[in-house]
Amino acid sequence: MPATTTSEALAPHRGRAAGILSVAAASALVLSACGEAEAGDNGAAGSGETITVEDDHGSHEVDLGAVESVGAFDNRTFRLLEDLGVELSVAPRGLMQSHVHETYAEDESILDTGNHREPDFEQLAAAEPDLVITGQRYSQYYDEMADLMPEDGVILKWDEGTSDPTTFFEGLRGQATNIGELFEAEEEAEELIAELDEAIERVESAYNGEDSVMGVVTSGGDINYAGPNQGRGVAPVFQEFDLEPALEVDEETTDHEGDDISVETIADSDPDWIIVLDRDGMTPDDPEYTEADELIADSPALQQTAAIENDQVVYMPQNMYITEDIQAYTEFLNDFADALEGAE
C-alpha cells in the first residue's frame, strides 16, 4: 500500500524515559522556533525549540524539548505516529489491532485507556502526558481529558476538517502536516500528502462525471446503504469527486453500520459503480466474519446491476473502519483510479 514507512536508518533510539523519539533525519529540518535550548532528555532532534500549533481550539505553544510523555487517541493518527517512530506512553490500545498497528497494539508499556465506550482515564492521568493528540472516537471526551492534563501539558484535536465530508481530505493533510512539525518529520509527512494528492488527481482524471455510484457498508452479514452526504467512509469520496449518486434518501445518517435500506432498493438504483466499506474487516479472525466481496457475490438482488455485470465494485482496505487515515484513503483512491482507468 502507498503508506510511507520510516526506515530503520531514520528510526530513533528508543527508551521509556525518552517518551517520544523523532526520526534522526529530522535534524536537517528547520522549524519556526522561539527557543534555542539544547537537546533535552527526550532525544528529539532540534529539541528545545518551541512551535505554534493550530487546532480546533486555537493556538498552542509546544516546547519540543519538554515533551517526554505522549498520548494518542485519534485512530486516524496511530499509523502515522508509528511510521514516524513516536513512542507513546498512553493510548486506547483497545481500538487497535495487531495486524494493523504492528508496534502499538501489543506494546504493554503503553498504558491502555480502552475503547471509547468506557474509557479508563485513570490511565491517562497516570501517564502525565506532556502532549496528547485526540479526536474521532475520543473527541466527545475532550474537556474531560483536558482537565486531566498536567499544568504545562498540551492537548490537540483536529476534528473540524475531518468531520465534514466536504473538507475531509484537507483535514487529513492538515493533520499530517501538524504531526510532521510536532515530531520534526516534515519530509515524511509531505511524502504522505503528495501520495494522497497523486491518487486524488488520478481519480479526478479518470471519473467521467456521469457514471452513477452507490456506497455501501457491510456489517454483521448485511449490506447497508451509505449515502453521499453522510455515509461512513464513502461520503468524503462522493464529495471530493462530485460522484453521481445512484440513490439518495431523505434521512441519511452517519451510522457506523450504514442505513437500513433494503438491498432490493439498492439494486433497483442500478449503479454503474459500487464502493464498499467492510466494517467487520477490522476483526478478520472472527469466526463469524464474512468478507464484503463474499456478501456482495452472494446477494441475488445485486447480480443484475451494471456494477456487478461490469466488475465495477471497489473495496476499501479491509482495515479502513479502524484506520480511516491518510494511508488507507490513498490506498483506496489508487484502487478506485485503477478500476476507473481500466473501464475507460
C-alpha atoms as a PDB file:
ATOM      1  CA  MET A   1       0.000   0.000   0.000  1.00  0.00           C
ATOM      2  CA  PRO A   2       1.230   3.542  -0.531  1.00  0.00           C
ATOM      3  CA  ALA A   3       1.810   4.365   3.108  1.00  0.00           C
ATOM      4  CA  THR A   4       5.305   5.688   3.750  1.00  0.00           C
ATOM      5  CA  THR A   5       7.217   3.681   6.354  1.00  0.00           C
ATOM      6  CA  THR A   6      10.174   5.198   8.160  1.00  0.00           C
ATOM      7  CA  SER A   7      13.280   3.132   7.574  1.00  0.00           C
ATOM      8  CA  GLU A   8      15.476   1.728  10.313  1.00  0.00           C
ATOM      9  CA  ALA A   9      18.054   4.338   9.489  1.00  0.00           C
ATOM     10  CA  LEU A  10      15.561   7.032  10.417  1.00  0.00           C
ATOM     11  CA  ALA A  11      14.109   5.280  13.448  1.00  0.00           C
ATOM     12  CA  PRO A  12      15.106   6.901  16.733  1.00  0.00           C
ATOM     13  CA  HIS A  13      16.890   5.257  19.615  1.00  0.00           C
ATOM     14  CA  ARG A  14      14.083   4.295  21.942  1.00  0.00           C
ATOM     15  CA  GLY A  15      13.879   4.295  25.742  1.00  0.00           C
ATOM     16  CA  ARG A  16      10.855   4.555  28.021  1.00  0.00           C
ATOM     17  CA  ALA A  17      12.388   7.556  29.722  1.00  0.00           C
ATOM     18  CA  ALA A  18      12.638   9.170  26.338  1.00  0.00           C
ATOM     19  CA  GLY A  19       8.876   9.413  25.870  1.00  0.00           C
ATOM     20  CA  ILE A  20       8.983  10.372  22.213  1.00  0.00           C
ATOM     21  CA  LEU A  21      11.701   9.821  19.724  1.00  0.00           C
ATOM     22  CA  SER A  22      11.659  11.723  16.466  1.00  0.00           C
ATOM     23  CA  VAL A  23      13.367  10.385  13.368  1.00  0.00           C
ATOM     24  CA  ALA A  24      17.074  11.113  13.279  1.00  0.00           C
ATOM     25  CA  ALA A  25      16.913  12.503   9.783  1.00  0.00           C
ATOM     26  CA  ALA A  26      14.711  15.308  11.020  1.00  0.00           C
ATOM     27  CA  SER A  27      17.779  17.076  12.419  1.00  0.00           C
ATOM     28  CA  ALA A  28      18.242  18.547   8.973  1.00  0.00           C
ATOM     29  CA  LEU A  29      14.791  20.095   9.039  1.00  0.00           C
ATOM     30  CA  VAL A  30      14.129  23.619  10.291  1.00  0.00           C
ATOM     31  CA  LEU A  31      11.088  24.673  12.307  1.00  0.00           C
ATOM     32  CA  SER A  32       9.956  28.181  13.129  1.00  0.00           C
ATOM     33  CA  ALA A  33      11.486  28.341  16.568  1.00  0.00           C
ATOM     34  CA  CYS A  34      11.080  30.575  19.549  1.00  0.00           C
ATOM     35  CA  GLY A  35      13.663  28.944  21.810  1.00  0.00           C
ATOM     36  CA  GLU A  36      17.281  27.891  21.408  1.00  0.00           C
ATOM     37  CA  ALA A  37      17.627  25.396  24.256  1.00  0.00           C
ATOM     38  CA  GLU A  38      19.988  22.447  23.932  1.00  0.00           C
ATOM     39  CA  ALA A  39      18.635  18.958  23.239  1.00  0.00           C
ATOM     40  CA  GLY A  40      16.865  17.517  26.268  1.00  0.00           C
ATOM     41  CA  ASP A  41      16.372  14.042  27.616  1.00  0.00           C
ATOM     42  CA  ASN A  42      13.721  13.150  25.080  1.00  0.00           C
ATOM     43  CA  GLY A  43      16.306  12.702  22.335  1.00  0.00           C
ATOM     44  CA  ALA A  44      14.308  14.632  19.739  1.00  0.00           C
ATOM     45  CA  ALA A  45      16.327  16.385  17.057  1.00  0.00           C
ATOM     46  CA  GLY A  46      16.097  20.135  17.499  1.00  0.00           C
ATOM     47  CA  SER A  47      14.636  19.749  20.987  1.00  0.00           C
ATOM     48  CA  GLY A  48      14.391  22.982  22.905  1.00  0.00           C
ATOM     49  CA  GLU A  49      12.541  24.682  20.069  1.00  0.00           C
ATOM     50  CA  THR A  50       9.027  25.954  20.572  1.00  0.00           C
ATOM     51  CA  ILE A  51       6.484  25.854  17.769  1.00  0.00           C
ATOM     52  CA  THR A  52       2.984  27.252  17.456  1.00  0.00           C
ATOM     53  CA  VAL A  53       0.348  24.699  16.500  1.00  0.00           C
ATOM     54  CA  GLU A  54      -3.230  25.491  15.444  1.00  0.00           C
ATOM     55  CA  ASP A  55      -6.047  23.085  16.231  1.00  0.00           C
ATOM     56  CA  ASP A  56      -9.830  23.175  16.627  1.00  0.00           C
ATOM     57  CA  HIS A  57      -9.456  25.094  19.886  1.00  0.00           C
ATOM     58  CA  GLY A  58      -6.979  27.772  18.829  1.00  0.00           C
ATOM     59  CA  SER A  59      -3.201  28.272  19.036  1.00  0.00           C
ATOM     60  CA  HIS A  60      -0.893  26.293  21.280  1.00  0.00           C
ATOM     61  CA  GLU A  61       2.780  26.720  22.092  1.00  0.00           C
ATOM     62  CA  VAL A  62       4.605  23.391  22.188  1.00  0.00           C
ATOM     63  CA  ASP A  63       8.109  23.219  23.638  1.00  0.00           C
ATOM     64  CA  LEU A  64       9.569  20.253  21.758  1.00  0.00           C
ATOM     65  CA  GLY A  65      12.296  19.826  24.328  1.00  0.00           C
ATOM     66  CA  ALA A  66       9.791  19.426  27.151  1.00  0.00           C
ATOM     67  CA  VAL A  67       7.773  16.644  25.527  1.00  0.00           C
ATOM     68  CA  GLU A  68       8.633  13.327  27.161  1.00  0.00           C
ATOM     69  CA  SER A  69       5.254  11.610  27.501  1.00  0.00           C
ATOM     70  CA  VAL A  70       2.866  11.400  24.551  1.00  0.00           C
ATOM     71  CA  GLY A  71      -0.720  10.167  24.328  1.00  0.00           C
ATOM     72  CA  ALA A  72      -2.574   9.404  21.076  1.00  0.00           C
ATOM     73  CA  PHE A  73      -6.341   8.927  20.905  1.00  0.00           C
ATOM     74  CA  ASP A  74      -7.339   9.743  17.317  1.00  0.00           C
ATOM     75  CA  ASN A  75      -7.277   6.481  15.379  1.00  0.00           C
ATOM     76  CA  ARG A  76      -6.507   8.409  12.183  1.00  0.00           C
ATOM     77  CA  THR A  77      -3.085   9.233  13.632  1.00  0.00           C
ATOM     78  CA  PHE A  78      -1.944   5.881  15.009  1.00  0.00           C
ATOM     79  CA  ARG A  79      -0.201   4.527  11.917  1.00  0.00           C
ATOM     80  CA  LEU A  80       1.323   7.899  11.085  1.00  0.00           C
ATOM     81  CA  LEU A  81       2.833   8.106  14.567  1.00  0.00           C
ATOM     82  CA  GLU A  82       4.069   4.523  14.285  1.00  0.00           C
ATOM     83  CA  ASP A  83       5.746   5.275  10.970  1.00  0.00           C
ATOM     84  CA  LEU A  84       7.476   8.307  12.463  1.00  0.00           C
ATOM     85  CA  GLY A  85       8.862   6.247  15.342  1.00  0.00           C
ATOM     86  CA  VAL A  86       6.925   8.079  18.045  1.00  0.00           C
ATOM     87  CA  GLU A  87       6.856   6.232  21.362  1.00  0.00           C
ATOM     88  CA  LEU A  88       3.587   6.531  23.246  1.00  0.00           C
ATOM     89  CA  SER A  89       3.007   6.430  26.976  1.00  0.00           C
ATOM     90  CA  VAL A  90      -0.804   6.144  26.819  1.00  0.00           C
ATOM     91  CA  ALA A  91      -3.365   5.289  24.128  1.00  0.00           C
ATOM     92  CA  PRO A  92      -6.623   3.370  23.593  1.00  0.00           C
ATOM     93  CA  ARG A  93      -4.996   0.107  22.587  1.00  0.00           C
ATOM     94  CA  GLY A  94      -8.486  -1.360  22.717  1.00  0.00           C
ATOM     95  CA  LEU A  95      -9.080   0.451  19.405  1.00  0.00           C
ATOM     96  CA  MET A  96      -6.042  -1.166  17.785  1.00  0.00           C
ATOM     97  CA  GLN A  97      -5.440  -4.498  16.082  1.00  0.00           C
ATOM     98  CA  SER A  98      -2.045  -6.191  15.944  1.00  0.00           C
ATOM     99  CA  HIS A  99      -2.384  -6.953  12.231  1.00  0.00           C
ATOM    100  CA  VAL A 100      -2.756  -3.221  11.568  1.00  0.00           C
ATOM    101  CA  HIS A 101      -0.951  -1.393  14.383  1.00  0.00           C
ATOM    102  CA  GLU A 102       2.110  -3.594  14.481  1.00  0.00           C
ATOM    103  CA  THR A 103       4.046  -1.530  17.029  1.00  0.00           C
ATOM    104  CA  TYR A 104       1.454  -0.154  19.415  1.00  0.00           C
ATOM    105  CA  ALA A 105      -1.251  -2.806  19.724  1.00  0.00           C
ATOM    106  CA  GLU A 106       0.837  -5.314  21.676  1.00  0.00           C
ATOM    107  CA  ASP A 107       3.092  -2.842  23.497  1.00  0.00           C
ATOM    108  CA  GLU A 108       2.246  -3.421  27.157  1.00  0.00           C
ATOM    109  CA  SER A 109       4.350  -0.430  28.184  1.00  0.00           C
ATOM    110  CA  ILE A 110       1.675   1.838  26.666  1.00  0.00           C
ATOM    111  CA  LEU A 111      -0.996   2.459  29.290  1.00  0.00           C
ATOM    112  CA  ASP A 112      -4.331   1.406  27.794  1.00  0.00           C
ATOM    113  CA  THR A 113      -7.427   3.573  28.221  1.00  0.00           C
ATOM    114  CA  GLY A 114      -9.503   1.038  26.294  1.00  0.00           C
ATOM    115  CA  ASN A 115     -12.082   1.801  23.642  1.00  0.00           C
ATOM    116  CA  HIS A 116     -14.215   4.908  23.536  1.00  0.00           C
ATOM    117  CA  ARG A 117     -17.326   3.373  25.057  1.00  0.00           C
ATOM    118  CA  GLU A 118     -15.904   3.086  28.589  1.00  0.00           C
ATOM    119  CA  PRO A 119     -12.529   4.839  28.619  1.00  0.00           C
ATOM    120  CA  ASP A 120     -10.276   4.362  31.625  1.00  0.00           C
ATOM    121  CA  PHE A 121      -9.000   7.882  32.168  1.00  0.00           C
ATOM    122  CA  GLU A 122      -7.070   6.853  35.270  1.00  0.00           C
ATOM    123  CA  GLN A 123      -4.503   5.578  32.791  1.00  0.00           C
ATOM    124  CA  LEU A 124      -4.351   8.985  31.104  1.00  0.00           C
ATOM    125  CA  ALA A 125      -3.742  10.710  34.417  1.00  0.00           C
ATOM    126  CA  ALA A 126      -1.098   8.146  35.393  1.00  0.00           C
ATOM    127  CA  ALA A 127       0.856   8.769  32.187  1.00  0.00           C
ATOM    128  CA  GLU A 128       1.124  12.506  32.919  1.00  0.00           C
ATOM    129  CA  PRO A 129       1.368  13.286  29.199  1.00  0.00           C
ATOM    130  CA  ASP A 130       3.088  16.433  28.028  1.00  0.00           C
ATOM    131  CA  LEU A 131       1.328  16.147  24.687  1.00  0.00           C
ATOM    132  CA  VAL A 132      -1.944  14.452  23.716  1.00  0.00           C
ATOM    133  CA  ILE A 133      -3.432  14.102  20.246  1.00  0.00           C
ATOM    134  CA  THR A 134      -7.125  13.272  20.434  1.00  0.00           C
ATOM    135  CA  GLY A 135     -10.171  13.220  18.200  1.00  0.00           C
ATOM    136  CA  GLN A 136     -12.523  10.998  16.202  1.00  0.00           C
ATOM    137  CA  ARG A 137     -13.946   8.352  18.547  1.00  0.00           C
ATOM    138  CA  TYR A 138     -12.484  10.110  21.589  1.00  0.00           C
ATOM    139  CA  SER A 139     -13.494  13.642  20.588  1.00  0.00           C
ATOM    140  CA  GLN A 140     -16.518  13.614  22.904  1.00  0.00           C
ATOM    141  CA  TYR A 141     -14.177  13.418  25.894  1.00  0.00           C
ATOM    142  CA  TYR A 142     -12.027  16.426  25.016  1.00  0.00           C
ATOM    143  CA  ASP A 143     -12.970  18.541  28.059  1.00  0.00           C
ATOM    144  CA  GLU A 144     -12.633  15.636  30.467  1.00  0.00           C
ATOM    145  CA  MET A 145      -9.226  14.763  29.059  1.00  0.00           C
ATOM    146  CA  ALA A 146      -8.082  18.392  29.102  1.00  0.00           C
ATOM    147  CA  ASP A 147      -8.895  18.574  32.813  1.00  0.00           C
ATOM    148  CA  LEU A 148      -6.569  15.606  33.433  1.00  0.00           C
ATOM    149  CA  MET A 149      -3.593  17.090  31.624  1.00  0.00           C
ATOM    150  CA  PRO A 150      -0.562  18.275  33.608  1.00  0.00           C
ATOM    151  CA  GLU A 151      -0.370  22.028  34.096  1.00  0.00           C
ATOM    152  CA  ASP A 152       2.045  22.540  31.203  1.00  0.00           C
ATOM    153  CA  GLY A 153       0.618  19.754  29.024  1.00  0.00           C
ATOM    154  CA  VAL A 154      -0.918  20.404  25.592  1.00  0.00           C
ATOM    155  CA  ILE A 155      -3.927  18.575  24.165  1.00  0.00           C
ATOM    156  CA  LEU A 156      -4.614  18.896  20.436  1.00  0.00           C
ATOM    157  CA  LYS A 157      -7.658  17.939  18.364  1.00  0.00           C
ATOM    158  CA  TRP A 158      -8.142  18.236  14.610  1.00  0.00           C
ATOM    159  CA  ASP A 159     -11.702  17.073  14.063  1.00  0.00           C
ATOM    160  CA  GLU A 160     -13.370  20.002  12.325  1.00  0.00           C
ATOM    161  CA  GLY A 161     -11.863  19.290   8.924  1.00  0.00           C
ATOM    162  CA  THR A 162     -12.198  15.511   9.000  1.00  0.00           C
ATOM    163  CA  SER A 163     -15.735  15.588  10.444  1.00  0.00           C
ATOM    164  CA  ASP A 164     -17.087  17.355   7.357  1.00  0.00           C
ATOM    165  CA  PRO A 165     -17.045  15.200   4.190  1.00  0.00           C
ATOM    166  CA  THR A 166     -16.596  18.334   2.063  1.00  0.00           C
ATOM    167  CA  THR A 167     -13.298  19.200   3.802  1.00  0.00           C
ATOM    168  CA  PHE A 168     -12.220  15.711   4.811  1.00  0.00           C
ATOM    169  CA  PHE A 169      -9.133  15.371   2.647  1.00  0.00           C
ATOM    170  CA  GLU A 170      -7.937  18.849   3.528  1.00  0.00           C
ATOM    171  CA  GLY A 171      -8.372  17.811   7.149  1.00  0.00           C
ATOM    172  CA  LEU A 172      -6.160  14.757   6.608  1.00  0.00           C
ATOM    173  CA  ARG A 173      -3.490  16.928   5.011  1.00  0.00           C
ATOM    174  CA  GLY A 174      -3.564  19.413   7.879  1.00  0.00           C
ATOM    175  CA  GLN A 175      -3.365  16.674  10.476  1.00  0.00           C
ATOM    176  CA  ALA A 176      -0.347  15.100   8.778  1.00  0.00           C
ATOM    177  CA  THR A 177       1.367  18.476   8.425  1.00  0.00           C
ATOM    178  CA  ASN A 178       0.923  19.308  12.092  1.00  0.00           C
ATOM    179  CA  ILE A 179       2.140  15.934  13.285  1.00  0.00           C
ATOM    180  CA  GLY A 180       5.138  16.191  10.985  1.00  0.00           C
ATOM    181  CA  GLU A 181       6.040  19.501  12.613  1.00  0.00           C
ATOM    182  CA  LEU A 182       5.479  18.252  16.151  1.00  0.00           C
ATOM    183  CA  PHE A 183       7.802  15.291  15.673  1.00  0.00           C
ATOM    184  CA  GLU A 184      10.237  17.032  13.328  1.00  0.00           C
ATOM    185  CA  ALA A 185       9.427  14.784  10.403  1.00  0.00           C
ATOM    186  CA  GLU A 186       8.049  17.240   7.872  1.00  0.00           C
ATOM    187  CA  GLU A 187       9.549  15.444   4.904  1.00  0.00           C
ATOM    188  CA  GLU A 188       7.835  12.166   5.775  1.00  0.00           C
ATOM    189  CA  ALA A 189       4.507  13.961   6.247  1.00  0.00           C
ATOM    190  CA  GLU A 190       4.920  15.783   2.947  1.00  0.00           C
ATOM    191  CA  GLU A 191       5.549  12.477   1.183  1.00  0.00           C
ATOM    192  CA  LEU A 192       2.301  11.044   2.529  1.00  0.00           C
ATOM    193  CA  ILE A 193       0.406  14.143   1.439  1.00  0.00           C
ATOM    194  CA  ALA A 194       1.989  14.030  -2.020  1.00  0.00           C
ATOM    195  CA  GLU A 195       0.939  10.385  -2.403  1.00  0.00           C
ATOM    196  CA  LEU A 196      -2.642  11.263  -1.426  1.00  0.00           C
ATOM    197  CA  ASP A 197      -2.700  14.190  -3.866  1.00  0.00           C
ATOM    198  CA  GLU A 198      -1.414  11.999  -6.675  1.00  0.00           C
ATOM    199  CA  ALA A 199      -4.160   9.435  -6.022  1.00  0.00           C
ATOM    200  CA  ILE A 200      -6.782  12.206  -5.953  1.00  0.00           C
ATOM    201  CA  GLU A 201      -5.538  13.558  -9.273  1.00  0.00           C
ATOM    202  CA  ARG A 202      -5.786  10.089 -10.808  1.00  0.00           C
ATOM    203  CA  VAL A 203      -9.427   9.683  -9.757  1.00  0.00           C
ATOM    204  CA  GLU A 204     -10.302  13.199 -10.919  1.00  0.00           C
ATOM    205  CA  SER A 205      -8.843  12.456 -14.337  1.00  0.00           C
ATOM    206  CA  ALA A 206     -10.445   9.035 -14.695  1.00  0.00           C
ATOM    207  CA  TYR A 207     -14.009   9.637 -13.470  1.00  0.00           C
ATOM    208  CA  ASN A 208     -16.263  10.681 -16.362  1.00  0.00           C
ATOM    209  CA  GLY A 209     -18.655  12.696 -14.202  1.00  0.00           C
ATOM    210  CA  GLU A 210     -21.678  10.705 -15.389  1.00  0.00           C
ATOM    211  CA  ASP A 211     -21.469   7.137 -14.070  1.00  0.00           C
ATOM    212  CA  SER A 212     -23.694   6.559 -11.057  1.00  0.00           C
ATOM    213  CA  VAL A 213     -22.098   5.365  -7.829  1.00  0.00           C
ATOM    214  CA  MET A 214     -23.509   3.526  -4.831  1.00  0.00           C
ATOM    215  CA  GLY A 215     -21.827   3.454  -1.425  1.00  0.00           C
ATOM    216  CA  VAL A 216     -22.449   0.537   0.922  1.00  0.00           C
ATOM    217  CA  VAL A 217     -21.262  -0.646   4.324  1.00  0.00           C
ATOM    218  CA  THR A 218     -21.180  -4.364   5.072  1.00  0.00           C
ATOM    219  CA  SER A 219     -21.697  -5.215   8.729  1.00  0.00           C
ATOM    220  CA  GLY A 220     -22.866  -8.300  10.572  1.00  0.00           C
ATOM    221  CA  GLY A 221     -23.549 -10.104   7.320  1.00  0.00           C
ATOM    222  CA  ASP A 222     -25.751  -7.301   5.988  1.00  0.00           C
ATOM    223  CA  ILE A 223     -25.265  -4.914   3.068  1.00  0.00           C
ATOM    224  CA  ASN A 224     -26.395  -1.427   4.052  1.00  0.00           C
ATOM    225  CA  TYR A 225     -26.688   1.882   2.251  1.00  0.00           C
ATOM    226  CA  ALA A 226     -24.045   4.577   2.825  1.00  0.00           C
ATOM    227  CA  GLY A 227     -25.141   7.932   1.440  1.00  0.00           C
ATOM    228  CA  PRO A 228     -23.125  10.527  -0.460  1.00  0.00           C
ATOM    229  CA  ASN A 229     -23.507  13.254   2.160  1.00  0.00           C
ATOM    230  CA  GLN A 230     -23.113  11.412   5.455  1.00  0.00           C
ATOM    231  CA  GLY A 231     -22.227   7.795   4.700  1.00  0.00           C
ATOM    232  CA  ARG A 232     -19.445   6.351   6.848  1.00  0.00           C
ATOM    233  CA  GLY A 233     -16.205   6.137   4.910  1.00  0.00           C
ATOM    234  CA  VAL A 234     -17.700   6.858   1.495  1.00  0.00           C
ATOM    235  CA  ALA A 235     -19.156  10.367   1.867  1.00  0.00           C
ATOM    236  CA  PRO A 236     -15.756  12.125   1.590  1.00  0.00           C
ATOM    237  CA  VAL A 237     -15.163  10.313  -1.705  1.00  0.00           C
ATOM    238  CA  PHE A 238     -18.547  11.384  -3.092  1.00  0.00           C
ATOM    239  CA  GLN A 239     -17.942  14.974  -2.055  1.00  0.00           C
ATOM    240  CA  GLU A 240     -14.342  15.234  -3.225  1.00  0.00           C
ATOM    241  CA  PHE A 241     -15.076  13.984  -6.726  1.00  0.00           C
ATOM    242  CA  ASP A 242     -18.704  15.072  -7.105  1.00  0.00           C
ATOM    243  CA  LEU A 243     -19.697  11.492  -7.840  1.00  0.00           C
ATOM    244  CA  GLU A 244     -23.174  10.971  -9.241  1.00  0.00           C
ATOM    245  CA  PRO A 245     -25.224   9.171  -6.534  1.00  0.00           C
ATOM    246  CA  ALA A 246     -27.199   6.188  -7.758  1.00  0.00           C
ATOM    247  CA  LEU A 247     -29.632   6.677  -4.868  1.00  0.00           C
ATOM    248  CA  GLU A 248     -30.335   9.456  -2.385  1.00  0.00           C
ATOM    249  CA  VAL A 249     -32.600   9.179   0.649  1.00  0.00           C
ATOM    250  CA  ASP A 250     -34.124  11.859   2.855  1.00  0.00           C
ATOM    251  CA  GLU A 251     -32.934  10.556   6.229  1.00  0.00           C
ATOM    252  CA  GLU A 252     -29.311   9.761   5.503  1.00  0.00           C
ATOM    253  CA  THR A 253     -27.168   9.159   8.619  1.00  0.00           C
ATOM    254  CA  THR A 254     -23.558   8.670   9.700  1.00  0.00           C
ATOM    255  CA  ASP A 255     -24.387   5.322  11.323  1.00  0.00           C
ATOM    256  CA  HIS A 256     -21.322   3.082  11.542  1.00  0.00           C
ATOM    257  CA  GLU A 257     -23.297   0.161  10.126  1.00  0.00           C
ATOM    258  CA  GLY A 258     -24.826   2.157   7.287  1.00  0.00           C
ATOM    259  CA  ASP A 259     -28.501   2.926   6.769  1.00  0.00           C
ATOM    260  CA  ASP A 260     -31.126   0.196   6.730  1.00  0.00           C
ATOM    261  CA  ILE A 261     -32.181   0.457   3.104  1.00  0.00           C
ATOM    262  CA  SER A 262     -33.125  -2.855   1.505  1.00  0.00           C
ATOM    263  CA  VAL A 263     -30.681  -4.500  -0.864  1.00  0.00           C
ATOM    264  CA  GLU A 264     -33.511  -4.637  -3.387  1.00  0.00           C
ATOM    265  CA  THR A 265     -33.816  -0.845  -3.258  1.00  0.00           C
ATOM    266  CA  ILE A 266     -30.075  -0.527  -3.693  1.00  0.00           C
ATOM    267  CA  ALA A 267     -30.206  -2.906  -6.649  1.00  0.00           C
ATOM    268  CA  ASP A 268     -33.147  -1.078  -8.235  1.00  0.00           C
ATOM    269  CA  SER A 269     -30.984   2.060  -8.480  1.00  0.00           C
ATOM    270  CA  ASP A 270     -28.755   0.033 -10.855  1.00  0.00           C
ATOM    271  CA  PRO A 271     -25.442   1.749 -10.041  1.00  0.00           C
ATOM    272  CA  ASP A 272     -22.588   1.763 -12.529  1.00  0.00           C
ATOM    273  CA  TRP A 273     -20.152   1.560  -9.624  1.00  0.00           C
ATOM    274  CA  ILE A 274     -20.320   0.325  -6.037  1.00  0.00           C
ATOM    275  CA  ILE A 275     -17.795   1.374  -3.402  1.00  0.00           C
ATOM    276  CA  VAL A 276     -17.731  -0.753  -0.264  1.00  0.00           C
ATOM    277  CA  LEU A 277     -16.628  -0.223   3.330  1.00  0.00           C
ATOM    278  CA  ASP A 278     -16.214  -3.575   5.091  1.00  0.00           C
ATOM    279  CA  ARG A 279     -16.906  -2.656   8.721  1.00  0.00           C
ATOM    280  CA  ASP A 280     -16.278  -6.153  10.038  1.00  0.00           C
ATOM    281  CA  GLY A 281     -12.898  -6.252   8.304  1.00  0.00           C
ATOM    282  CA  MET A 282     -11.416  -4.740  11.463  1.00  0.00           C
ATOM    283  CA  THR A 283     -11.546  -8.245  13.034  1.00  0.00           C
ATOM    284  CA  PRO A 284     -10.812 -10.634  10.165  1.00  0.00           C
ATOM    285  CA  ASP A 285     -10.001 -13.514  12.530  1.00  0.00           C
ATOM    286  CA  ASP A 286     -13.516 -13.535  13.956  1.00  0.00           C
ATOM    287  CA  PRO A 287     -15.039 -16.928  13.000  1.00  0.00           C
ATOM    288  CA  GLU A 288     -18.324 -15.140  12.275  1.00  0.00           C
ATOM    289  CA  TYR A 289     -16.686 -12.735   9.816  1.00  0.00           C
ATOM    290  CA  THR A 290     -17.711 -12.831   6.159  1.00  0.00           C
ATOM    291  CA  GLU A 291     -15.696 -10.700   3.760  1.00  0.00           C
ATOM    292  CA  ALA A 292     -17.530  -7.957   1.926  1.00  0.00           C
ATOM    293  CA  ASP A 293     -16.823  -9.407  -1.519  1.00  0.00           C
ATOM    294  CA  GLU A 294     -18.472 -12.670  -0.483  1.00  0.00           C
ATOM    295  CA  LEU A 295     -21.562 -10.838   0.765  1.00  0.00           C
ATOM    296  CA  ILE A 296     -21.797  -8.882  -2.477  1.00  0.00           C
ATOM    297  CA  ALA A 297     -21.312 -12.017  -4.593  1.00  0.00           C
ATOM    298  CA  ASP A 298     -23.947 -13.907  -2.593  1.00  0.00           C
ATOM    299  CA  SER A 299     -26.608 -11.205  -2.967  1.00  0.00           C
ATOM    300  CA  PRO A 300     -29.007 -12.257  -5.752  1.00  0.00           C
ATOM    301  CA  ALA A 301     -30.574  -8.799  -5.907  1.00  0.00           C
ATOM    302  CA  LEU A 302     -27.276  -7.127  -6.793  1.00  0.00           C
ATOM    303  CA  GLN A 303     -26.201  -9.510  -9.531  1.00  0.00           C
ATOM    304  CA  GLN A 304     -28.190  -7.753 -12.264  1.00  0.00           C
ATOM    305  CA  THR A 305     -26.735  -4.320 -11.585  1.00  0.00           C
ATOM    306  CA  ALA A 306     -24.371  -2.716 -14.048  1.00  0.00           C
ATOM    307  CA  ALA A 307     -21.697  -2.544 -11.350  1.00  0.00           C
ATOM    308  CA  ILE A 308     -21.677  -6.313 -10.865  1.00  0.00           C
ATOM    309  CA  GLU A 309     -22.072  -7.165 -14.535  1.00  0.00           C
ATOM    310  CA  ASN A 310     -19.134  -4.916 -15.463  1.00  0.00           C
ATOM    311  CA  ASP A 311     -16.993  -5.890 -12.480  1.00  0.00           C
ATOM    312  CA  GLN A 312     -17.059  -2.308 -11.170  1.00  0.00           C
ATOM    313  CA  VAL A 313     -17.110  -2.866  -7.430  1.00  0.00           C
ATOM    314  CA  VAL A 314     -14.259  -1.273  -5.493  1.00  0.00           C
ATOM    315  CA  TYR A 315     -13.499  -2.241  -1.905  1.00  0.00           C
ATOM    316  CA  MET A 316     -11.931  -0.005   0.697  1.00  0.00           C
ATOM    317  CA  PRO A 317      -8.961  -1.520   2.564  1.00  0.00           C
ATOM    318  CA  GLN A 318     -10.003  -4.216   4.985  1.00  0.00           C
ATOM    319  CA  ASN A 319      -8.642  -2.135   7.872  1.00  0.00           C
ATOM    320  CA  MET A 320     -10.469   1.055   6.844  1.00  0.00           C
ATOM    321  CA  TYR A 321     -13.002   1.062   9.678  1.00  0.00           C
ATOM    322  CA  ILE A 322     -10.308   1.234  12.370  1.00  0.00           C
ATOM    323  CA  THR A 323      -7.856   3.430  10.455  1.00  0.00           C
ATOM    324  CA  GLU A 324      -9.689   5.924   8.211  1.00  0.00           C
ATOM    325  CA  ASP A 325      -6.302   7.579   7.855  1.00  0.00           C
ATOM    326  CA  ILE A 326      -4.339   9.198   5.069  1.00  0.00           C
ATOM    327  CA  GLN A 327      -2.656   5.901   4.210  1.00  0.00           C
ATOM    328  CA  ALA A 328      -5.929   3.977   3.904  1.00  0.00           C
ATOM    329  CA  TYR A 329      -7.599   6.589   1.718  1.00  0.00           C
ATOM    330  CA  THR A 330      -4.538   6.817  -0.510  1.00  0.00           C
ATOM    331  CA  GLU A 331      -4.651   3.054  -0.991  1.00  0.00           C
ATOM    332  CA  PHE A 332      -8.369   3.093  -1.779  1.00  0.00           C
ATOM    333  CA  LEU A 333      -8.174   6.020  -4.183  1.00  0.00           C
ATOM    334  CA  ASN A 334      -5.395   4.345  -6.129  1.00  0.00           C
ATOM    335  CA  ASP A 335      -7.514   1.185  -6.347  1.00  0.00           C
ATOM    336  CA  PHE A 336     -10.501   3.269  -7.455  1.00  0.00           C
ATOM    337  CA  ALA A 337      -8.358   5.043 -10.054  1.00  0.00           C
ATOM    338  CA  ASP A 338      -7.072   1.697 -11.345  1.00  0.00           C
ATOM    339  CA  ALA A 339     -10.662   0.488 -11.814  1.00  0.00           C
ATOM    340  CA  LEU A 340     -11.835   3.728 -13.438  1.00  0.00           C
ATOM    341  CA  GLU A 341      -8.873   3.789 -15.813  1.00  0.00           C
ATOM    342  CA  GLY A 342      -9.461   0.163 -16.708  1.00  0.00           C
ATOM    343  CA  ALA A 343     -13.064   0.911 -17.626  1.00  0.00           C
ATOM    344  CA  GLU A 344     -12.240   3.763 -19.972  1.00  0.00           C
END
